[in-house]
Amino acid sequence: MDEFVVYILYSEKHAKTYTGYTSNLIDRFHSHNQLATKGYTKKYRPWHVVYVKVFYTKREALAHEKWLKSGQGRTFIKNNILPKSI
């Protein structure tokens, strides 16, 4: 059975977050931190995984990712996931 992971990356150096989903967190994390040659995540390296939630359907994962990117979700991230000094 496939699993889908919604994750949040945090760049302490730049105080930035990135929210995404994947079916292979290890490879995706490696891509964000080392392989990517362009894009948002390349500019704010290094990244640390600060949140992971596993889903058994792509639909559920995408819905959760969408929620995390909403106003309520961003508030949740700020209040519950990120270091309190931010």
Protein backbone atom coordinates (compact mmCIF):
# COMPACT_ATOMS: atom_id res chain seq x y z
CA MET A 1 0.00 0.00 0.00
CA ASP A 2 1.31 3.43 -0.92
CA GLU A 3 1.65 6.10 1.70
CA PHE A 4 1.74 9.83 1.17
CA VAL A 5 3.55 12.20 3.48
CA VAL A 6 2.78 15.86 4.10
CA TYR A 7 5.83 17.62 5.45
CA ILE A 8 7.03 21.00 6.57
CA LEU A 9 10.63 22.07 6.15
CA TYR A 10 12.16 24.90 8.12
CA SER A 11 15.22 26.98 7.28
CA GLU A 12 16.54 28.32 10.56
CA LYS A 13 19.13 30.46 8.76
CA HIS A 14 16.43 32.31 6.80
CA ALA A 15 13.37 31.77 9.08
CA LYS A 16 11.41 30.30 6.15
CA THR A 17 9.08 27.33 5.85
CA TYR A 18 8.16 25.08 2.95
CA THR A 19 5.14 22.77 2.93
CA GLY A 20 4.82 19.88 0.51
CA TYR A 21 3.75 16.29 0.02
CA THR A 22 5.47 13.23 -1.39
CA SER A 23 5.40 9.45 -1.45
CA ASN A 24 9.14 9.31 -0.68
CA LEU A 25 10.23 11.75 2.03
CA ILE A 26 13.89 10.74 2.10
CA ASP A 27 14.42 11.33 -1.63
CA ARG A 28 12.37 14.53 -1.58
CA PHE A 29 14.29 15.92 1.40
CA HIS A 30 17.58 15.08 -0.34
CA SER A 31 16.32 16.91 -3.43
CA HIS A 32 15.40 20.03 -1.44
CA ASN A 33 18.75 20.16 0.36
CA GLN A 34 21.20 19.00 -2.30
CA LEU A 35 19.93 18.05 -5.76
CA ALA A 36 17.65 20.88 -6.84
CA THR A 37 19.36 23.40 -9.09
CA LYS A 38 16.60 26.02 -9.09
CA GLY A 39 13.45 27.01 -7.23
CA TYR A 40 12.32 28.27 -3.85
CA THR A 41 13.93 25.62 -1.68
CA LYS A 42 17.39 26.03 -3.23
CA LYS A 43 17.54 29.67 -2.06
CA TYR A 44 16.94 28.93 1.62
CA ARG A 45 19.10 25.89 2.35
CA PRO A 46 19.75 24.16 4.67
CA TRP A 47 16.31 22.74 5.48
CA HIS A 48 15.22 20.69 8.49
CA VAL A 49 12.10 18.52 8.63
CA VAL A 50 9.91 19.89 11.44
CA TYR A 51 6.59 18.17 10.68
CA VAL A 52 5.53 14.90 9.07
CA LYS A 53 2.06 13.39 8.78
CA VAL A 54 1.35 10.15 6.91
CA PHE A 55 -1.80 9.53 4.85
CA TYR A 56 -2.97 6.43 3.02
CA THR A 57 -4.56 8.28 0.12
CA LYS A 58 -3.23 11.01 -2.12
CA ARG A 59 -6.54 12.86 -1.75
CA GLU A 60 -6.18 13.09 2.03
CA ALA A 61 -2.56 14.23 1.75
CA LEU A 62 -3.39 16.93 -0.78
CA ALA A 63 -6.30 18.17 1.33
CA HIS A 64 -4.06 18.41 4.41
CA GLU A 65 -1.31 20.19 2.45
CA LYS A 66 -3.89 22.66 1.14
CA TRP A 67 -5.15 23.29 4.68
CA LEU A 68 -1.61 23.88 5.98
CA LYS A 69 -1.16 26.51 3.26
CA SER A 70 -4.39 28.28 4.26
CA GLY A 71 -4.63 31.05 6.85
CA GLN A 72 -5.71 28.59 9.55
CA GLY A 73 -2.94 26.21 8.61
CA ARG A 74 -0.26 28.91 8.69
CA THR A 75 -1.48 29.93 12.14
CA PHE A 76 -1.31 26.27 13.24
CA ILE A 77 2.27 26.02 11.94
CA LYS A 78 3.33 29.22 13.68
CA ASN A 79 1.72 28.28 17.02
CA ASN A 80 2.47 24.54 17.10
CA ILE A 81 5.37 23.62 14.82
CA LEU A 82 7.91 26.42 14.60
CA PRO A 83 10.31 27.41 17.37
CA LYS A 84 8.67 29.89 19.75
CA SER A 85 11.24 32.60 19.04
CA ILE A 86 9.78 33.23 15.57
